C-alpha atoms as a PDB file:
ATOM      1  CA  MET A   1      77.483  20.118-111.385  1.00  0.00           C
ATOM      2  CA  ASP A   2      74.023  21.491-112.223  1.00  0.00           C
ATOM      3  CA  ARG A   3      72.414  21.063-115.639  1.00  0.00           C
ATOM      4  CA  THR A   4      72.978  24.647-116.766  1.00  0.00           C
ATOM      5  CA  THR A   5      76.688  24.543-115.934  1.00  0.00           C
ATOM      6  CA  GLU A   6      77.036  21.199-117.703  1.00  0.00           C
ATOM      7  CA  GLY A   7      75.275  22.686-120.733  1.00  0.00           C
ATOM      8  CA  TRP A   8      77.706  25.580-120.940  1.00  0.00           C
ATOM      9  CA  LEU A   9      80.663  23.217-120.555  1.00  0.00           C
ATOM     10  CA  CYS A  10      79.360  20.886-123.301  1.00  0.00           C
ATOM     11  CA  GLY A  11      78.686  23.857-125.581  1.00  0.00           C
ATOM     12  CA  PHE A  12      82.179  25.212-124.992  1.00  0.00           C
ATOM     13  CA  LEU A  13      83.717  21.827-125.834  1.00  0.00           C
ATOM     14  CA  GLY A  14      81.629  21.634-129.001  1.00  0.00           C
ATOM     15  CA  VAL A  15      82.800  25.061-130.187  1.00  0.00           C
ATOM     16  CA  LEU A  16      86.400  24.208-129.315  1.00  0.00           C
ATOM     17  CA  ILE A  17      86.162  21.015-131.409  1.00  0.00           C
ATOM     18  CA  PHE A  18      84.612  22.838-134.372  1.00  0.00           C
ATOM     19  CA  SER A  19      87.337  25.490-134.183  1.00  0.00           C
ATOM     20  CA  GLY A  20      89.900  22.902-135.261  1.00  0.00           C
ATOM     21  CA  SER A  21      87.943  21.881-138.358  1.00  0.00           C
ATOM     22  CA  LEU A  22      89.296  24.427-140.852  1.00  0.00           C
ATOM     23  CA  PRO A  23      92.972  24.153-139.809  1.00  0.00           C
ATOM     24  CA  ALA A  24      92.643  20.345-139.905  1.00  0.00           C
ATOM     25  CA  THR A  25      90.996  20.489-143.327  1.00  0.00           C
ATOM     26  CA  ARG A  26      93.815  22.720-144.553  1.00  0.00           C
ATOM     27  CA  ILE A  27      96.314  20.073-143.440  1.00  0.00           C
ATOM     28  CA  ALA A  28      94.264  17.191-144.862  1.00  0.00           C
ATOM     29  CA  VAL A  29      93.966  18.668-148.390  1.00  0.00           C
ATOM     30  CA  SER A  30      97.759  18.745-148.566  1.00  0.00           C
ATOM     31  CA  GLY A  31      97.626  14.959-148.930  1.00  0.00           C
ATOM     32  CA  PHE A  32      94.086  14.104-150.032  1.00  0.00           C
ATOM     33  CA  ASP A  33      91.906  15.207-152.915  1.00  0.00           C
ATOM     34  CA  PRO A  34      89.129  17.480-151.567  1.00  0.00           C
ATOM     35  CA  LEU A  35      86.381  15.255-152.989  1.00  0.00           C
ATOM     36  CA  PHE A  36      87.844  12.115-151.434  1.00  0.00           C
ATOM     37  CA  LEU A  37      88.377  13.922-148.128  1.00  0.00           C
ATOM     38  CA  THR A  38      84.747  15.064-147.995  1.00  0.00           C
ATOM     39  CA  LEU A  39      83.354  11.633-148.843  1.00  0.00           C
ATOM     40  CA  ALA A  40      85.734   9.695-146.602  1.00  0.00           C
ATOM     41  CA  ARG A  41      85.134  11.837-143.498  1.00  0.00           C
ATOM     42  CA  ALA A  42      81.359  11.542-143.936  1.00  0.00           C
ATOM     43  CA  THR A  43      81.609   7.784-144.486  1.00  0.00           C
ATOM     44  CA  ILE A  44      83.680   7.207-141.348  1.00  0.00           C
ATOM     45  CA  ALA A  45      81.363   9.403-139.259  1.00  0.00           C
ATOM     46  CA  GLY A  46      78.293   7.778-140.848  1.00  0.00           C
ATOM     47  CA  LEU A  47      79.413   4.286-139.871  1.00  0.00           C
ATOM     48  CA  LEU A  48      80.039   5.464-136.314  1.00  0.00           C
ATOM     49  CA  GLY A  49      76.679   7.258-136.237  1.00  0.00           C
ATOM     50  CA  ALA A  50      74.899   4.105-137.418  1.00  0.00           C
ATOM     51  CA  ALA A  51      76.608   2.064-134.708  1.00  0.00           C
ATOM     52  CA  LEU A  52      75.559   4.639-132.116  1.00  0.00           C
ATOM     53  CA  LEU A  53      71.921   4.608-133.238  1.00  0.00           C
ATOM     54  CA  ILE A  54      71.818   0.805-133.196  1.00  0.00           C
ATOM     55  CA  ALA A  55      73.570   0.483-129.840  1.00  0.00           C
ATOM     56  CA  LEU A  56      71.169   2.942-128.189  1.00  0.00           C
ATOM     57  CA  ARG A  57      68.104   1.471-129.974  1.00  0.00           C
ATOM     58  CA  GLN A  58      66.878   4.698-131.498  1.00  0.00           C
ATOM     59  CA  LYS A  59      63.596   4.535-133.437  1.00  0.00           C
ATOM     60  CA  GLN A  60      63.626   5.439-137.117  1.00  0.00           C
ATOM     61  CA  PRO A  61      62.484   8.951-138.118  1.00  0.00           C
ATOM     62  CA  ASP A  62      58.956   9.407-139.438  1.00  0.00           C
ATOM     63  CA  ARG A  63      58.414   9.790-143.180  1.00  0.00           C
ATOM     64  CA  GLU A  64      58.006  13.565-142.960  1.00  0.00           C
ATOM     65  CA  ASP A  65      61.398  13.863-141.239  1.00  0.00           C
ATOM     66  CA  TYR A  66      63.418  12.681-144.227  1.00  0.00           C
ATOM     67  CA  VAL A  67      63.239  15.912-146.233  1.00  0.00           C
ATOM     68  CA  PRO A  68      64.578  18.007-143.310  1.00  0.00           C
ATOM     69  CA  LEU A  69      67.249  15.345-142.725  1.00  0.00           C
ATOM     70  CA  ALA A  70      68.213  15.568-146.387  1.00  0.00           C
ATOM     71  CA  ILE A  71      68.637  19.339-145.979  1.00  0.00           C
ATOM     72  CA  VAL A  72      70.846  18.774-142.926  1.00  0.00           C
ATOM     73  CA  SER A  73      72.885  16.261-144.935  1.00  0.00           C
ATOM     74  CA  LEU A  74      73.261  18.688-147.827  1.00  0.00           C
ATOM     75  CA  GLY A  75      74.325  21.489-145.503  1.00  0.00           C
ATOM     76  CA  VAL A  76      76.642  19.993-142.878  1.00  0.00           C
ATOM     77  CA  VAL A  77      77.518  16.488-144.109  1.00  0.00           C
ATOM     78  CA  VAL A  78      78.342  17.182-147.769  1.00  0.00           C
ATOM     79  CA  GLY A  79      78.031  20.870-148.716  1.00  0.00           C
ATOM     80  CA  PHE A  80      80.089  22.609-146.031  1.00  0.00           C
ATOM     81  CA  PRO A  81      82.959  20.065-145.894  1.00  0.00           C
ATOM     82  CA  LEU A  82      83.229  19.825-149.700  1.00  0.00           C
ATOM     83  CA  LEU A  83      83.171  23.559-150.414  1.00  0.00           C
ATOM     84  CA  THR A  84      85.591  24.384-147.585  1.00  0.00           C
ATOM     85  CA  ALA A  85      87.991  21.655-148.753  1.00  0.00           C
ATOM     86  CA  PHE A  86      88.052  23.182-152.247  1.00  0.00           C
ATOM     87  CA  ALA A  87      88.237  26.716-150.821  1.00  0.00           C
ATOM     88  CA  LEU A  88      91.260  25.882-148.687  1.00  0.00           C
ATOM     89  CA  GLN A  89      93.210  25.053-151.824  1.00  0.00           C
ATOM     90  CA  HIS A  90      93.000  28.781-152.682  1.00  0.00           C
ATOM     91  CA  ILE A  91      93.000  30.585-149.313  1.00  0.00           C
ATOM     92  CA  THR A  92      94.648  30.111-145.927  1.00  0.00           C
ATOM     93  CA  ALA A  93      92.819  28.632-142.954  1.00  0.00           C
ATOM     94  CA  ALA A  94      93.239  31.944-141.123  1.00  0.00           C
ATOM     95  CA  HIS A  95      91.570  33.858-143.976  1.00  0.00           C
ATOM     96  CA  SER A  96      88.709  31.351-144.093  1.00  0.00           C
ATOM     97  CA  ILE A  97      88.132  31.783-140.364  1.00  0.00           C
ATOM     98  CA  VAL A  98      87.466  35.491-140.903  1.00  0.00           C
ATOM     99  CA  LEU A  99      84.621  34.484-143.217  1.00  0.00           C
ATOM    100  CA  ILE A 100      83.417  31.854-140.728  1.00  0.00           C
ATOM    101  CA  GLY A 101      82.567  34.791-138.476  1.00  0.00           C
ATOM    102  CA  LEU A 102      79.401  35.081-140.563  1.00  0.00           C
ATOM    103  CA  LEU A 103      78.207  31.544-139.781  1.00  0.00           C
ATOM    104  CA  PRO A 104      76.282  32.421-136.584  1.00  0.00           C
ATOM    105  CA  LEU A 105      74.549  35.225-138.485  1.00  0.00           C
ATOM    106  CA  THR A 106      73.547  33.043-141.441  1.00  0.00           C
ATOM    107  CA  THR A 107      72.286  30.416-139.014  1.00  0.00           C
ATOM    108  CA  ALA A 108      70.174  33.056-137.257  1.00  0.00           C
ATOM    109  CA  MET A 109      68.867  34.392-140.560  1.00  0.00           C
ATOM    110  CA  PHE A 110      67.796  30.947-141.758  1.00  0.00           C
ATOM    111  CA  GLY A 111      66.273  30.351-138.331  1.00  0.00           C
ATOM    112  CA  VAL A 112      64.270  33.568-138.639  1.00  0.00           C
ATOM    113  CA  PHE A 113      63.147  32.572-142.126  1.00  0.00           C
ATOM    114  CA  ARG A 114      62.111  29.088-141.029  1.00  0.00           C
ATOM    115  CA  SER A 115      60.267  30.264-137.905  1.00  0.00           C
ATOM    116  CA  GLY A 116      58.510  33.232-139.537  1.00  0.00           C
ATOM    117  CA  GLU A 117      59.655  35.771-136.930  1.00  0.00           C
ATOM    118  CA  ARG A 118      59.886  39.494-137.732  1.00  0.00           C
ATOM    119  CA  PRO A 119      63.225  40.866-136.457  1.00  0.00           C
ATOM    120  CA  ARG A 120      63.568  44.515-135.574  1.00  0.00           C
ATOM    121  CA  ALA A 121      65.320  46.933-137.937  1.00  0.00           C
ATOM    122  CA  ALA A 122      68.456  46.760-135.761  1.00  0.00           C
ATOM    123  CA  PHE A 123      68.872  43.096-136.714  1.00  0.00           C
ATOM    124  CA  TRP A 124      69.192  43.958-140.403  1.00  0.00           C
ATOM    125  CA  ALA A 125      71.486  46.889-139.592  1.00  0.00           C
ATOM    126  CA  PHE A 126      73.935  44.624-137.764  1.00  0.00           C
ATOM    127  CA  SER A 127      73.565  42.010-140.500  1.00  0.00           C
ATOM    128  CA  GLY A 128      74.390  44.486-143.260  1.00  0.00           C
ATOM    129  CA  LEU A 129      77.326  45.956-141.340  1.00  0.00           C
ATOM    130  CA  GLY A 130      78.840  42.538-140.674  1.00  0.00           C
ATOM    131  CA  GLY A 131      78.520  41.515-144.308  1.00  0.00           C
ATOM    132  CA  SER A 132      80.057  44.810-145.447  1.00  0.00           C
ATOM    133  CA  LEU A 133      83.035  44.348-143.123  1.00  0.00           C
ATOM    134  CA  VAL A 134      83.742  40.869-144.454  1.00  0.00           C
ATOM    135  CA  ALA A 135      83.311  41.924-148.095  1.00  0.00           C
ATOM    136  CA  GLY A 136      85.485  44.991-147.547  1.00  0.00           C
ATOM    137  CA  TYR A 137      88.256  42.941-145.959  1.00  0.00           C
ATOM    138  CA  ALA A 138      88.188  40.408-148.801  1.00  0.00           C
ATOM    139  CA  LEU A 139      88.372  43.172-151.439  1.00  0.00           C
ATOM    140  CA  ALA A 140      91.102  45.113-149.610  1.00  0.00           C
ATOM    141  CA  HIS A 141      93.274  42.011-149.391  1.00  0.00           C
ATOM    142  CA  GLY A 142      92.786  40.835-152.953  1.00  0.00           C
ATOM    143  CA  GLY A 143      96.475  40.100-153.301  1.00  0.00           C
ATOM    144  CA  SER A 144      96.476  37.453-150.567  1.00  0.00           C
ATOM    145  CA  ALA A 145      92.891  36.371-151.000  1.00  0.00           C
ATOM    146  CA  SER A 146      91.167  34.552-153.838  1.00  0.00           C
ATOM    147  CA  LEU A 147      87.835  35.278-155.461  1.00  0.00           C
ATOM    148  CA  VAL A 148      87.347  31.562-156.048  1.00  0.00           C
ATOM    149  CA  GLY A 149      88.292  30.661-152.485  1.00  0.00           C
ATOM    150  CA  ASP A 150      86.132  33.383-150.933  1.00  0.00           C
ATOM    151  CA  SER A 151      83.152  32.468-153.120  1.00  0.00           C
ATOM    152  CA  LEU A 152      83.445  28.814-152.145  1.00  0.00           C
ATOM    153  CA  MET A 153      83.658  29.748-148.466  1.00  0.00           C
ATOM    154  CA  LEU A 154      80.570  31.970-148.662  1.00  0.00           C
ATOM    155  CA  GLY A 155      78.661  29.161-150.363  1.00  0.00           C
ATOM    156  CA  ALA A 156      79.799  26.770-147.635  1.00  0.00           C
ATOM    157  CA  ILE A 157      78.665  29.183-144.915  1.00  0.00           C
ATOM    158  CA  LEU A 158      75.219  29.564-146.474  1.00  0.00           C
ATOM    159  CA  LEU A 159      74.743  25.800-146.745  1.00  0.00           C
ATOM    160  CA  CYS A 160      76.014  25.230-143.210  1.00  0.00           C
ATOM    161  CA  GLY A 161      73.709  27.918-141.812  1.00  0.00           C
ATOM    162  CA  LEU A 162      70.763  26.268-143.545  1.00  0.00           C
ATOM    163  CA  GLY A 163      71.796  22.861-142.209  1.00  0.00           C
ATOM    164  CA  TYR A 164      72.200  24.166-138.655  1.00  0.00           C
ATOM    165  CA  ALA A 165      68.808  25.910-138.701  1.00  0.00           C
ATOM    166  CA  GLU A 166      66.998  22.913-140.162  1.00  0.00           C
ATOM    167  CA  GLY A 167      68.755  20.581-137.736  1.00  0.00           C
ATOM    168  CA  ALA A 168      67.854  22.767-134.755  1.00  0.00           C
ATOM    169  CA  LYS A 169      64.202  22.700-135.773  1.00  0.00           C
ATOM    170  CA  LEU A 170      64.202  18.924-136.265  1.00  0.00           C
ATOM    171  CA  SER A 171      66.009  18.419-132.944  1.00  0.00           C
ATOM    172  CA  ARG A 172      62.825  19.436-131.145  1.00  0.00           C
ATOM    173  CA  LYS A 173      61.376  16.119-132.246  1.00  0.00           C
ATOM    174  CA  LEU A 174      64.280  13.691-132.698  1.00  0.00           C
ATOM    175  CA  GLY A 175      66.890  15.009-130.281  1.00  0.00           C
ATOM    176  CA  GLY A 176      70.192  16.725-131.000  1.00  0.00           C
ATOM    177  CA  TRP A 177      72.782  14.019-131.555  1.00  0.00           C
ATOM    178  CA  GLN A 178      70.179  11.821-133.241  1.00  0.00           C
ATOM    179  CA  VAL A 179      69.697  14.419-135.996  1.00  0.00           C
ATOM    180  CA  ILE A 180      73.360  14.466-137.051  1.00  0.00           C
ATOM    181  CA  SER A 181      73.580  10.673-136.753  1.00  0.00           C
ATOM    182  CA  TRP A 182      70.521  10.111-138.965  1.00  0.00           C
ATOM    183  CA  ALA A 183      71.755  12.743-141.438  1.00  0.00           C
ATOM    184  CA  LEU A 184      75.080  10.920-141.702  1.00  0.00           C
ATOM    185  CA  VAL A 185      73.354   7.553-142.117  1.00  0.00           C
ATOM    186  CA  LEU A 186      71.017   8.981-144.768  1.00  0.00           C
ATOM    187  CA  SER A 187      74.071  10.172-146.717  1.00  0.00           C
ATOM    188  CA  LEU A 188      75.981   6.917-146.257  1.00  0.00           C
ATOM    189  CA  PRO A 189      75.019   5.186-149.550  1.00  0.00           C
ATOM    190  CA  LEU A 190      76.215   8.237-151.492  1.00  0.00           C
ATOM    191  CA  THR A 191      79.304   8.964-149.410  1.00  0.00           C
ATOM    192  CA  ALA A 192      80.466   5.350-149.105  1.00  0.00           C
ATOM    193  CA  GLY A 193      79.993   4.672-152.813  1.00  0.00           C
ATOM    194  CA  GLY A 194      81.691   7.929-153.701  1.00  0.00           C
ATOM    195  CA  THR A 195      84.610   7.136-151.397  1.00  0.00           C
ATOM    196  CA  LEU A 196      85.262   3.900-153.283  1.00  0.00           C
ATOM    197  CA  LEU A 197      85.094   5.686-156.643  1.00  0.00           C
ATOM    198  CA  ALA A 198      87.395   8.500-155.481  1.00  0.00           C
ATOM    199  CA  PHE A 199      89.862   6.117-153.801  1.00  0.00           C
ATOM    200  CA  PRO A 200      93.453   7.296-154.427  1.00  0.00           C
ATOM    201  CA  ALA A 201      95.561   5.142-156.697  1.00  0.00           C
ATOM    202  CA  SER A 202      98.450   5.457-154.252  1.00  0.00           C
ATOM    203  CA  TRP A 203      98.930   6.502-150.624  1.00  0.00           C
ATOM    204  CA  SER A 204     102.647   7.173-150.994  1.00  0.00           C
ATOM    205  CA  GLY A 205     102.250  10.950-151.099  1.00  0.00           C
ATOM    206  CA  VAL A 206     100.091  11.176-147.964  1.00  0.00           C
ATOM    207  CA  ALA A 207     102.088  12.278-144.931  1.00  0.00           C
ATOM    208  CA  MET A 208     101.185  11.485-141.322  1.00  0.00           C
ATOM    209  CA  PRO A 209      99.801  14.992-140.582  1.00  0.00           C
ATOM    210  CA  ALA A 210      97.244  14.537-143.376  1.00  0.00           C
ATOM    211  CA  TRP A 211      96.166  11.166-141.921  1.00  0.00           C
ATOM    212  CA  LEU A 212      95.787  12.679-138.460  1.00  0.00           C
ATOM    213  CA  ALA A 213      93.799  15.575-139.916  1.00  0.00           C
ATOM    214  CA  LEU A 214      91.492  13.122-141.722  1.00  0.00           C
ATOM    215  CA  GLY A 215      90.908  11.352-138.414  1.00  0.00           C
ATOM    216  CA  TYR A 216      90.121  14.636-136.681  1.00  0.00           C
ATOM    217  CA  VAL A 217      87.593  15.916-139.205  1.00  0.00           C
ATOM    218  CA  SER A 218      85.949  12.472-139.386  1.00  0.00           C
ATOM    219  CA  LEU A 219      85.620  11.720-135.677  1.00  0.00           C
ATOM    220  CA  PHE A 220      85.459  15.135-134.067  1.00  0.00           C
ATOM    221  CA  SER A 221      84.230  17.649-136.660  1.00  0.00           C
ATOM    222  CA  MET A 222      81.559  15.395-138.156  1.00  0.00           C
ATOM    223  CA  LEU A 223      80.239  13.586-135.087  1.00  0.00           C
ATOM    224  CA  ILE A 224      81.714  14.116-131.619  1.00  0.00           C
ATOM    225  CA  GLY A 225      81.559  17.911-131.857  1.00  0.00           C
ATOM    226  CA  PHE A 226      77.847  17.723-132.630  1.00  0.00           C
ATOM    227  CA  VAL A 227      77.230  15.432-129.649  1.00  0.00           C
ATOM    228  CA  PHE A 228      78.694  18.041-127.277  1.00  0.00           C
ATOM    229  CA  TRP A 229      77.159  20.975-129.149  1.00  0.00           C
ATOM    230  CA  TYR A 230      73.591  19.721-129.241  1.00  0.00           C
ATOM    231  CA  ARG A 231      73.723  18.443-125.659  1.00  0.00           C
ATOM    232  CA  GLY A 232      74.976  21.858-124.571  1.00  0.00           C
ATOM    233  CA  LEU A 233      72.066  23.533-126.350  1.00  0.00           C
ATOM    234  CA  ALA A 234      69.638  21.106-124.733  1.00  0.00           C
ATOM    235  CA  LEU A 235      70.903  21.559-121.164  1.00  0.00           C
ATOM    236  CA  GLY A 236      71.843  25.247-121.170  1.00  0.00           C
ATOM    237  CA  GLY A 237      69.350  26.711-123.646  1.00  0.00           C
ATOM    238  CA  ILE A 238      69.855  27.780-127.245  1.00  0.00           C
ATOM    239  CA  ALA A 239      69.796  31.545-126.605  1.00  0.00           C
ATOM    240  CA  GLY A 240      72.547  31.346-123.989  1.00  0.00           C
ATOM    241  CA  VAL A 241      74.833  28.504-125.054  1.00  0.00           C
ATOM    242  CA  GLY A 242      74.436  29.420-128.720  1.00  0.00           C
ATOM    243  CA  GLN A 243      76.432  32.604-128.075  1.00  0.00           C
ATOM    244  CA  LEU A 244      79.507  30.445-127.492  1.00  0.00           C
ATOM    245  CA  GLN A 245      79.730  29.906-131.247  1.00  0.00           C
ATOM    246  CA  LEU A 246      80.919  33.509-131.519  1.00  0.00           C
ATOM    247  CA  LEU A 247      84.205  32.409-129.905  1.00  0.00           C
ATOM    248  CA  GLN A 248      84.994  30.042-132.791  1.00  0.00           C
ATOM    249  CA  PRO A 249      86.943  32.540-134.956  1.00  0.00           C
ATOM    250  CA  PHE A 250      89.235  33.411-132.029  1.00  0.00           C
ATOM    251  CA  PHE A 251      90.011  29.764-131.333  1.00  0.00           C
ATOM    252  CA  GLY A 252      90.423  29.027-135.048  1.00  0.00           C
ATOM    253  CA  LEU A 253      92.859  31.887-135.622  1.00  0.00           C
ATOM    254  CA  THR A 254      94.923  30.739-132.651  1.00  0.00           C
ATOM    255  CA  LEU A 255      95.058  27.172-133.957  1.00  0.00           C
ATOM    256  CA  SER A 256      95.989  28.354-137.465  1.00  0.00           C
ATOM    257  CA  ALA A 257      98.894  30.353-136.069  1.00  0.00           C
ATOM    258  CA  MET A 258     100.063  27.493-133.838  1.00  0.00           C
ATOM    259  CA  LEU A 259      99.641  24.521-136.183  1.00  0.00           C
ATOM    260  CA  LEU A 260     100.055  26.020-139.653  1.00  0.00           C
ATOM    261  CA  HIS A 261     102.362  28.965-138.821  1.00  0.00           C
ATOM    262  CA  GLU A 262     100.018  31.213-140.798  1.00  0.00           C
ATOM    263  CA  SER A 263     100.255  34.952-140.394  1.00  0.00           C
ATOM    264  CA  VAL A 264      97.493  36.451-138.276  1.00  0.00           C
ATOM    265  CA  GLY A 265      97.931  40.229-138.401  1.00  0.00           C
ATOM    266  CA  TRP A 266      96.048  42.904-136.521  1.00  0.00           C
ATOM    267  CA  PRO A 267      93.720  43.775-139.484  1.00  0.00           C
ATOM    268  CA  MET A 268      92.453  40.188-139.561  1.00  0.00           C
ATOM    269  CA  ILE A 269      91.945  40.147-135.805  1.00  0.00           C
ATOM    270  CA  ALA A 270      90.225  43.565-135.910  1.00  0.00           C
ATOM    271  CA  VAL A 271      87.808  42.490-138.646  1.00  0.00           C
ATOM    272  CA  THR A 272      87.059  39.199-136.896  1.00  0.00           C
ATOM    273  CA  THR A 273      86.341  41.057-133.651  1.00  0.00           C
ATOM    274  CA  ALA A 274      84.080  43.558-135.422  1.00  0.00           C
ATOM    275  CA  VAL A 275      82.176  40.786-137.211  1.00  0.00           C
ATOM    276  CA  ILE A 276      81.662  38.938-133.939  1.00  0.00           C
ATOM    277  CA  LEU A 277      80.242  42.109-132.371  1.00  0.00           C
ATOM    278  CA  CYS A 278      77.902  42.557-135.345  1.00  0.00           C
ATOM    279  CA  VAL A 279      76.726  38.963-135.096  1.00  0.00           C
ATOM    280  CA  ALA A 280      76.128  39.370-131.358  1.00  0.00           C
ATOM    281  CA  GLY A 281      74.089  42.507-131.979  1.00  0.00           C
ATOM    282  CA  ALA A 282      72.081  40.909-134.765  1.00  0.00           C
ATOM    283  CA  LYS A 283      71.260  37.857-132.709  1.00  0.00           C
ATOM    284  CA  ARG A 284      70.200  40.071-129.816  1.00  0.00           C
ATOM    285  CA  PHE A 285      67.545  41.730-131.965  1.00  0.00           C
ATOM    286  CA  ALA A 286      66.435  38.593-133.801  1.00  0.00           C
ATOM    287  CA  LYS A 287      64.172  37.602-130.890  1.00  0.00           C
ATOM    288  CA  PRO A 288      65.039  33.899-131.017  1.00  0.00           C
ATOM    289  CA  GLY A 289      62.716  31.649-129.051  1.00  0.00           C
ATOM    290  CA  GLU A 290      63.990  29.236-126.481  1.00  0.00           C
ATOM    291  CA  VAL A 291      63.800  25.640-127.692  1.00  0.00           C
ATOM    292  CA  LYS A 292      64.046  22.634-125.425  1.00  0.00           C
ATOM    293  CA  LEU A 293      65.734  19.697-127.112  1.00  0.00           C
ATOM    294  CA  ARG A 294      65.380  16.045-126.222  1.00  0.00           C
ATOM    295  CA  ILE A 295      68.684  14.883-124.764  1.00  0.00           C
ATOM    296  CA  SER A 296      68.156  11.148-124.425  1.00  0.00           C
END
């Protein structure tokens, strides 16, 4: 298998893993408090990330790397998991996945902002259309949606996009999987201490599906998915492999229907498809530069 093919395969596996995050979180919050879930998943992944860094003898980041790592931690280690966990107490996983269709666009927009590029007018046209479609869907389905849940999801998407963009930039220096591992380790004092403080008084109400979901979001969503994702970007190229992220809503909707028996009607599928097309168009006109990541 050549390097490009391996990159596409790794990227596909990363997207597939991330697609299970929201349905798994929906299951997990049925047994765990959202705050405890967020802290516990980050703590488990942080301990594994620390072990990985030690085992592979990775050098510590330079002093100037800690602020970007803190931004990555805020975005993908704490912010996105916490806000989505709270959001999924108000909305279904399937509804949240419609909003997740904006994540590739927000990532691209933060990337443009951080790199100082000047996208063409078509980029902003696609961006505005995609945002209008999502907002229109949320307003049209006010009976089944939730203003609180949608607001939390949009906040989560913004933080995650910022964390992805900052992590991609830092990966040029540290390497892909090293960035998420160091971000998890940097958050570990806060997440581990918070986990102890938020420890449930009793586990009697936690069913096995919630335990399995906690294991999934801790091992796969927080760590293993990033290992595949960043390696895929490194081997296959960001511009090419990054497009695979647009498949995430399709996979997520399928998993929500299969695992949670949630209704996925044609309007939701139509909006998700339209948003994906808008994101693809926007990214095409954003003129992203190719970035080679260290893959050691």
